[in-house]
Amino acid sequence: MVNVRFYTRRGCHLCEEAARVLELVGAELEFSITVVDIDLDPAAKALYHEDIPVTLLPNGRRFRYGLDKNEFQSQLS
């Protein structure tokens, strides 16, 4: 199963939108999600504080600032 890492923070409206896309795609395709709150992870915050939400696939593909449903689905397939 593919594991997707989702970097987020509380109060981020773009993060909320990306989380909805993950939920929609999750209803169609099987994958697991590891959610990382960058405010609780100093290393993640150093990497992504300007770019959230960030969705990271195992193949290294990164979606920053949001998540396009169709593009994300095609990368998972």
PDB file of N, CA and C in Angstrom:
ATOM      1  N   MET A   1       0.837  -1.176   0.000  1.00  0.00           N
ATOM      2  CA  MET A   1       0.000   0.000   0.000  1.00  0.00           C
ATOM      3  C   MET A   1       0.885   1.243   0.000  1.00  0.00           C
ATOM      4  N   VAL A   2       0.502   2.217  -0.769  1.00  0.00           N
ATOM      5  CA  VAL A   2       1.232   3.483  -0.857  1.00  0.00           C
ATOM      6  C   VAL A   2       0.962   4.297   0.405  1.00  0.00           C
ATOM      7  N   ASN A   3       2.031   4.852   0.974  1.00  0.00           N
ATOM      8  CA  ASN A   3       1.880   5.741   2.122  1.00  0.00           C
ATOM      9  C   ASN A   3       2.195   7.158   1.685  1.00  0.00           C
ATOM     10  N   VAL A   4       1.258   8.047   1.903  1.00  0.00           N
ATOM     11  CA  VAL A   4       1.381   9.456   1.552  1.00  0.00           C
ATOM     12  C   VAL A   4       1.636  10.239   2.831  1.00  0.00           C
ATOM     13  N   ARG A   5       2.612  11.139   2.795  1.00  0.00           N
ATOM     14  CA  ARG A   5       2.863  12.019   3.945  1.00  0.00           C
ATOM     15  C   ARG A   5       2.216  13.367   3.643  1.00  0.00           C
ATOM     16  N   PHE A   6       1.439  13.854   4.601  1.00  0.00           N
ATOM     17  CA  PHE A   6       0.707  15.107   4.436  1.00  0.00           C
ATOM     18  C   PHE A   6       1.160  16.078   5.520  1.00  0.00           C
ATOM     19  N   TYR A   7       1.858  17.142   5.106  1.00  0.00           N
ATOM     20  CA  TYR A   7       2.367  18.154   6.026  1.00  0.00           C
ATOM     21  C   TYR A   7       1.353  19.289   6.102  1.00  0.00           C
ATOM     22  N   THR A   8       0.957  19.622   7.310  1.00  0.00           N
ATOM     23  CA  THR A   8      -0.138  20.554   7.517  1.00  0.00           C
ATOM     24  C   THR A   8       0.093  21.345   8.795  1.00  0.00           C
ATOM     25  N   ARG A   9      -0.837  22.225   9.105  1.00  0.00           N
ATOM     26  CA  ARG A   9      -0.859  22.928  10.390  1.00  0.00           C
ATOM     27  C   ARG A   9      -2.279  23.394  10.657  1.00  0.00           C
ATOM     28  N   ARG A  10      -2.584  23.587  11.907  1.00  0.00           N
ATOM     29  CA  ARG A  10      -3.916  24.057  12.283  1.00  0.00           C
ATOM     30  C   ARG A  10      -4.145  25.470  11.760  1.00  0.00           C
ATOM     31  N   GLY A  11      -5.382  25.737  11.358  1.00  0.00           N
ATOM     32  CA  GLY A  11      -5.743  27.073  10.912  1.00  0.00           C
ATOM     33  C   GLY A  11      -5.352  27.394   9.485  1.00  0.00           C
ATOM     34  N   CYS A  12      -4.915  26.416   8.734  1.00  0.00           N
ATOM     35  CA  CYS A  12      -4.479  26.612   7.341  1.00  0.00           C
ATOM     36  C   CYS A  12      -5.620  26.207   6.410  1.00  0.00           C
ATOM     37  N   HIS A  13      -6.239  27.196   5.753  1.00  0.00           N
ATOM     38  CA  HIS A  13      -7.383  26.859   4.887  1.00  0.00           C
ATOM     39  C   HIS A  13      -6.975  26.041   3.669  1.00  0.00           C
ATOM     40  N   LEU A  14      -5.784  26.267   3.139  1.00  0.00           N
ATOM     41  CA  LEU A  14      -5.318  25.452   2.010  1.00  0.00           C
ATOM     42  C   LEU A  14      -5.102  24.004   2.448  1.00  0.00           C
ATOM     43  N   CYS A  15      -4.662  23.830   3.687  1.00  0.00           N
ATOM     44  CA  CYS A  15      -4.479  22.479   4.232  1.00  0.00           C
ATOM     45  C   CYS A  15      -5.819  21.768   4.352  1.00  0.00           C
ATOM     46  N   GLU A  16      -6.832  22.492   4.779  1.00  0.00           N
ATOM     47  CA  GLU A  16      -8.170  21.910   4.902  1.00  0.00           C
ATOM     48  C   GLU A  16      -8.699  21.473   3.537  1.00  0.00           C
ATOM     49  N   GLU A  17      -8.463  22.298   2.515  1.00  0.00           N
ATOM     50  CA  GLU A  17      -8.890  21.942   1.157  1.00  0.00           C
ATOM     51  C   GLU A  17      -8.143  20.707   0.658  1.00  0.00           C
ATOM     52  N   ALA A  18      -6.838  20.651   0.888  1.00  0.00           N
ATOM     53  CA  ALA A  18      -6.045  19.494   0.460  1.00  0.00           C
ATOM     54  C   ALA A  18      -6.484  18.233   1.203  1.00  0.00           C
ATOM     55  N   ALA A  19      -6.819  18.361   2.472  1.00  0.00           N
ATOM     56  CA  ALA A  19      -7.297  17.211   3.251  1.00  0.00           C
ATOM     57  C   ALA A  19      -8.602  16.674   2.668  1.00  0.00           C
ATOM     58  N   ARG A  20      -9.466  17.567   2.184  1.00  0.00           N
ATOM     59  CA  ARG A  20     -10.712  17.121   1.541  1.00  0.00           C
ATOM     60  C   ARG A  20     -10.418  16.348   0.260  1.00  0.00           C
ATOM     61  N   VAL A  21      -9.427  16.801  -0.502  1.00  0.00           N
ATOM     62  CA  VAL A  21      -9.037  16.084  -1.721  1.00  0.00           C
ATOM     63  C   VAL A  21      -8.511  14.696  -1.355  1.00  0.00           C
ATOM     64  N   LEU A  22      -7.686  14.604  -0.326  1.00  0.00           N
ATOM     65  CA  LEU A  22      -7.183  13.300   0.119  1.00  0.00           C
ATOM     66  C   LEU A  22      -8.334  12.379   0.505  1.00  0.00           C
ATOM     67  N   GLU A  23      -9.318  12.926   1.173  1.00  0.00           N
ATOM     68  CA  GLU A  23     -10.483  12.135   1.577  1.00  0.00           C
ATOM     69  C   GLU A  23     -11.264  11.648   0.355  1.00  0.00           C
ATOM     70  N   LEU A  24     -11.468  12.528  -0.627  1.00  0.00           N
ATOM     71  CA  LEU A  24     -12.190  12.145  -1.847  1.00  0.00           C
ATOM     72  C   LEU A  24     -11.456  11.048  -2.606  1.00  0.00           C
ATOM     73  N   VAL A  25     -10.161  11.217  -2.776  1.00  0.00           N
ATOM     74  CA  VAL A  25      -9.372  10.227  -3.506  1.00  0.00           C
ATOM     75  C   VAL A  25      -9.313   8.924  -2.711  1.00  0.00           C
ATOM     76  N   GLY A  26      -9.242   9.026  -1.393  1.00  0.00           N
ATOM     77  CA  GLY A  26      -9.214   7.842  -0.544  1.00  0.00           C
ATOM     78  C   GLY A  26     -10.470   7.001  -0.646  1.00  0.00           C
ATOM     79  N   ALA A  27     -11.571   7.614  -1.048  1.00  0.00           N
ATOM     80  CA  ALA A  27     -12.811   6.867  -1.248  1.00  0.00           C
ATOM     81  C   ALA A  27     -12.759   6.045  -2.535  1.00  0.00           C
ATOM     82  N   GLU A  28     -11.824   6.406  -3.430  1.00  0.00           N
ATOM     83  CA  GLU A  28     -11.715   5.731  -4.728  1.00  0.00           C
ATOM     84  C   GLU A  28     -10.490   4.830  -4.839  1.00  0.00           C
ATOM     85  N   LEU A  29      -9.393   5.222  -4.207  1.00  0.00           N
ATOM     86  CA  LEU A  29      -8.135   4.475  -4.289  1.00  0.00           C
ATOM     87  C   LEU A  29      -7.632   4.175  -2.878  1.00  0.00           C
ATOM     88  N   GLU A  30      -6.947   3.047  -2.745  1.00  0.00           N
ATOM     89  CA  GLU A  30      -6.446   2.657  -1.431  1.00  0.00           C
ATOM     90  C   GLU A  30      -5.032   3.189  -1.221  1.00  0.00           C
ATOM     91  N   PHE A  31      -4.854   3.963  -0.158  1.00  0.00           N
ATOM     92  CA  PHE A  31      -3.539   4.435   0.260  1.00  0.00           C
ATOM     93  C   PHE A  31      -3.641   4.835   1.725  1.00  0.00           C
ATOM     94  N   SER A  32      -2.500   4.910   2.384  1.00  0.00           N
ATOM     95  CA  SER A  32      -2.497   5.355   3.777  1.00  0.00           C
ATOM     96  C   SER A  32      -1.899   6.754   3.842  1.00  0.00           C
ATOM     97  N   ILE A  33      -2.247   7.460   4.898  1.00  0.00           N
ATOM     98  CA  ILE A  33      -1.784   8.839   5.065  1.00  0.00           C
ATOM     99  C   ILE A  33      -1.111   8.973   6.425  1.00  0.00           C
ATOM    100  N   THR A  34       0.072   9.558   6.416  1.00  0.00           N
ATOM    101  CA  THR A  34       0.734   9.963   7.646  1.00  0.00           C
ATOM    102  C   THR A  34       0.635  11.480   7.711  1.00  0.00           C
ATOM    103  N   VAL A  35      -0.080  11.984   8.698  1.00  0.00           N
ATOM    104  CA  VAL A  35      -0.273  13.427   8.849  1.00  0.00           C
ATOM    105  C   VAL A  35       0.808  13.966   9.774  1.00  0.00           C
ATOM    106  N   VAL A  36       1.488  15.016   9.308  1.00  0.00           N
ATOM    107  CA  VAL A  36       2.545  15.647  10.096  1.00  0.00           C
ATOM    108  C   VAL A  36       2.160  17.107  10.323  1.00  0.00           C
ATOM    109  N   ASP A  37       1.935  17.473  11.573  1.00  0.00           N
ATOM    110  CA  ASP A  37       1.672  18.866  11.937  1.00  0.00           C
ATOM    111  C   ASP A  37       3.033  19.545  12.063  1.00  0.00           C
ATOM    112  N   ILE A  38       3.331  20.466  11.170  1.00  0.00           N
ATOM    113  CA  ILE A  38       4.671  21.057  11.159  1.00  0.00           C
ATOM    114  C   ILE A  38       4.957  21.884  12.406  1.00  0.00           C
ATOM    115  N   ASP A  39       3.917  22.319  13.098  1.00  0.00           N
ATOM    116  CA  ASP A  39       4.141  23.075  14.328  1.00  0.00           C
ATOM    117  C   ASP A  39       4.577  22.179  15.484  1.00  0.00           C
ATOM    118  N   LEU A  40       4.426  20.869  15.318  1.00  0.00           N
ATOM    119  CA  LEU A  40       4.852  19.912  16.339  1.00  0.00           C
ATOM    120  C   LEU A  40       6.125  19.168  15.944  1.00  0.00           C
ATOM    121  N   ASP A  41       6.629  19.444  14.740  1.00  0.00           N
ATOM    122  CA  ASP A  41       7.806  18.747  14.216  1.00  0.00           C
ATOM    123  C   ASP A  41       8.786  19.790  13.686  1.00  0.00           C
ATOM    124  N   PRO A  42       9.794  20.178  14.478  1.00  0.00           N
ATOM    125  CA  PRO A  42      10.721  21.236  14.069  1.00  0.00           C
ATOM    126  C   PRO A  42      11.423  20.973  12.733  1.00  0.00           C
ATOM    127  N   ALA A  43      11.776  19.727  12.466  1.00  0.00           N
ATOM    128  CA  ALA A  43      12.455  19.419  11.199  1.00  0.00           C
ATOM    129  C   ALA A  43      11.513  19.644  10.020  1.00  0.00           C
ATOM    130  N   ALA A  44      10.274  19.210  10.153  1.00  0.00           N
ATOM    131  CA  ALA A  44       9.290  19.412   9.084  1.00  0.00           C
ATOM    132  C   ALA A  44       8.994  20.896   8.905  1.00  0.00           C
ATOM    133  N   LYS A  45       8.926  21.623  10.006  1.00  0.00           N
ATOM    134  CA  LYS A  45       8.662  23.062   9.922  1.00  0.00           C
ATOM    135  C   LYS A  45       9.789  23.777   9.188  1.00  0.00           C
ATOM    136  N   ALA A  46      11.026  23.381   9.466  1.00  0.00           N
ATOM    137  CA  ALA A  46      12.170  23.987   8.784  1.00  0.00           C
ATOM    138  C   ALA A  46      12.106  23.744   7.278  1.00  0.00           C
ATOM    139  N   LEU A  47      11.624  22.573   6.886  1.00  0.00           N
ATOM    140  CA  LEU A  47      11.544  22.235   5.462  1.00  0.00           C
ATOM    141  C   LEU A  47      10.357  22.875   4.754  1.00  0.00           C
ATOM    142  N   TYR A  48       9.199  22.899   5.405  1.00  0.00           N
ATOM    143  CA  TYR A  48       7.958  23.175   4.688  1.00  0.00           C
ATOM    144  C   TYR A  48       7.136  24.354   5.193  1.00  0.00           C
ATOM    145  N   HIS A  49       7.626  25.136   6.142  1.00  0.00           N
ATOM    146  CA  HIS A  49       6.765  26.164   6.732  1.00  0.00           C
ATOM    147  C   HIS A  49       6.216  27.165   5.726  1.00  0.00           C
ATOM    148  N   GLU A  50       6.902  27.410   4.639  1.00  0.00           N
ATOM    149  CA  GLU A  50       6.432  28.355   3.616  1.00  0.00           C
ATOM    150  C   GLU A  50       5.591  27.675   2.539  1.00  0.00           C
ATOM    151  N   ASP A  51       5.580  26.354   2.505  1.00  0.00           N
ATOM    152  CA  ASP A  51       5.007  25.612   1.375  1.00  0.00           C
ATOM    153  C   ASP A  51       3.723  24.852   1.679  1.00  0.00           C
ATOM    154  N   ILE A  52       3.269  24.821   2.922  1.00  0.00           N
ATOM    155  CA  ILE A  52       2.146  23.952   3.266  1.00  0.00           C
ATOM    156  C   ILE A  52       0.862  24.389   2.574  1.00  0.00           C
ATOM    157  N   PRO A  53       0.004  23.456   2.310  1.00  0.00           N
ATOM    158  CA  PRO A  53       0.149  22.041   2.581  1.00  0.00           C
ATOM    159  C   PRO A  53       1.109  21.380   1.601  1.00  0.00           C
ATOM    160  N   VAL A  54       1.794  20.367   2.068  1.00  0.00           N
ATOM    161  CA  VAL A  54       2.673  19.568   1.220  1.00  0.00           C
ATOM    162  C   VAL A  54       2.215  18.118   1.318  1.00  0.00           C
ATOM    163  N   THR A  55       2.018  17.513   0.163  1.00  0.00           N
ATOM    164  CA  THR A  55       1.676  16.095   0.092  1.00  0.00           C
ATOM    165  C   THR A  55       2.829  15.413  -0.613  1.00  0.00           C
ATOM    166  N   LEU A  56       3.436  14.441   0.044  1.00  0.00           N
ATOM    167  CA  LEU A  56       4.644  13.786  -0.456  1.00  0.00           C
ATOM    168  C   LEU A  56       4.360  12.318  -0.736  1.00  0.00           C
ATOM    169  N   LEU A  57       4.637  11.911  -1.967  1.00  0.00           N
ATOM    170  CA  LEU A  57       4.464  10.515  -2.368  1.00  0.00           C
ATOM    171  C   LEU A  57       5.783   9.763  -2.199  1.00  0.00           C
ATOM    172  N   PRO A  58       5.736   8.440  -2.072  1.00  0.00           N
ATOM    173  CA  PRO A  58       6.962   7.652  -1.901  1.00  0.00           C
ATOM    174  C   PRO A  58       7.953   7.801  -3.060  1.00  0.00           C
ATOM    175  N   ASN A  59       7.459   8.119  -4.255  1.00  0.00           N
ATOM    176  CA  ASN A  59       8.352   8.278  -5.406  1.00  0.00           C
ATOM    177  C   ASN A  59       9.051   9.634  -5.416  1.00  0.00           C
ATOM    178  N   GLY A  60       8.810  10.444  -4.376  1.00  0.00           N
ATOM    179  CA  GLY A  60       9.451  11.748  -4.279  1.00  0.00           C
ATOM    180  C   GLY A  60       8.620  12.885  -4.841  1.00  0.00           C
ATOM    181  N   ARG A  61       7.539  12.569  -5.527  1.00  0.00           N
ATOM    182  CA  ARG A  61       6.659  13.605  -6.085  1.00  0.00           C
ATOM    183  C   ARG A  61       6.058  14.406  -4.942  1.00  0.00           C
ATOM    184  N   ARG A  62       6.151  15.725  -5.035  1.00  0.00           N
ATOM    185  CA  ARG A  62       5.663  16.621  -3.999  1.00  0.00           C
ATOM    186  C   ARG A  62       4.609  17.559  -4.564  1.00  0.00           C
ATOM    187  N   PHE A  63       3.512  17.671  -3.865  1.00  0.00           N
ATOM    188  CA  PHE A  63       2.490  18.660  -4.195  1.00  0.00           C
ATOM    189  C   PHE A  63       2.567  19.728  -3.108  1.00  0.00           C
ATOM    190  N   ARG A  64       2.799  20.980  -3.514  1.00  0.00           N
ATOM    191  CA  ARG A  64       2.912  22.074  -2.552  1.00  0.00           C
ATOM    192  C   ARG A  64       1.792  23.079  -2.777  1.00  0.00           C
ATOM    193  N   TYR A  65       1.396  23.738  -1.716  1.00  0.00           N
ATOM    194  CA  TYR A  65       0.398  24.817  -1.717  1.00  0.00           C
ATOM    195  C   TYR A  65      -1.021  24.339  -1.992  1.00  0.00           C
ATOM    196  N   GLY A  66      -1.230  23.077  -2.181  1.00  0.00           N
ATOM    197  CA  GLY A  66      -2.558  22.552  -2.463  1.00  0.00           C
ATOM    198  C   GLY A  66      -2.436  21.196  -3.129  1.00  0.00           C
ATOM    199  N   LEU A  67      -3.579  20.686  -3.569  1.00  0.00           N
ATOM    200  CA  LEU A  67      -3.589  19.346  -4.143  1.00  0.00           C
ATOM    201  C   LEU A  67      -4.658  19.261  -5.219  1.00  0.00           C
ATOM    202  N   ASP A  68      -4.233  18.993  -6.444  1.00  0.00           N
ATOM    203  CA  ASP A  68      -5.161  18.797  -7.551  1.00  0.00           C
ATOM    204  C   ASP A  68      -5.598  17.333  -7.564  1.00  0.00           C
ATOM    205  N   LYS A  69      -6.891  17.113  -7.474  1.00  0.00           N
ATOM    206  CA  LYS A  69      -7.430  15.755  -7.357  1.00  0.00           C
ATOM    207  C   LYS A  69      -7.009  14.863  -8.518  1.00  0.00           C
ATOM    208  N   ASN A  70      -7.180  15.321  -9.749  1.00  0.00           N
ATOM    209  CA  ASN A  70      -6.864  14.495 -10.916  1.00  0.00           C
ATOM    210  C   ASN A  70      -5.376  14.180 -11.013  1.00  0.00           C
ATOM    211  N   GLU A  71      -4.552  15.174 -10.774  1.00  0.00           N
ATOM    212  CA  GLU A  71      -3.102  14.951 -10.843  1.00  0.00           C
ATOM    213  C   GLU A  71      -2.646  13.996  -9.735  1.00  0.00           C
ATOM    214  N   PHE A  72      -3.199  14.172  -8.539  1.00  0.00           N
ATOM    215  CA  PHE A  72      -2.857  13.291  -7.426  1.00  0.00           C
ATOM    216  C   PHE A  72      -3.276  11.855  -7.732  1.00  0.00           C
ATOM    217  N   GLN A  73      -4.485  11.672  -8.236  1.00  0.00           N
ATOM    218  CA  GLN A  73      -4.960  10.328  -8.582  1.00  0.00           C
ATOM    219  C   GLN A  73      -4.065   9.680  -9.624  1.00  0.00           C
ATOM    220  N   SER A  74      -3.661  10.436 -10.624  1.00  0.00           N
ATOM    221  CA  SER A  74      -2.820   9.858 -11.678  1.00  0.00           C
ATOM    222  C   SER A  74      -1.456   9.449 -11.134  1.00  0.00           C
ATOM    223  N   GLN A  75      -0.944  10.168 -10.153  1.00  0.00           N
ATOM    224  CA  GLN A  75       0.345   9.815  -9.551  1.00  0.00           C
ATOM    225  C   GLN A  75       0.238   8.572  -8.665  1.00  0.00           C
ATOM    226  N   LEU A  76      -0.938   8.334  -8.103  1.00  0.00           N
ATOM    227  CA  LEU A  76      -1.137   7.153  -7.260  1.00  0.00           C
ATOM    228  C   LEU A  76      -1.359   5.889  -8.074  1.00  0.00           C
ATOM    229  N   SER A  77      -1.915   6.045  -9.258  1.00  0.00           N
ATOM    230  CA  SER A  77      -2.276   4.875 -10.083  1.00  0.00           C
ATOM    231  C   SER A  77      -1.060   4.201 -10.667  1.00  0.00           C
TER     232      SER A  77
END
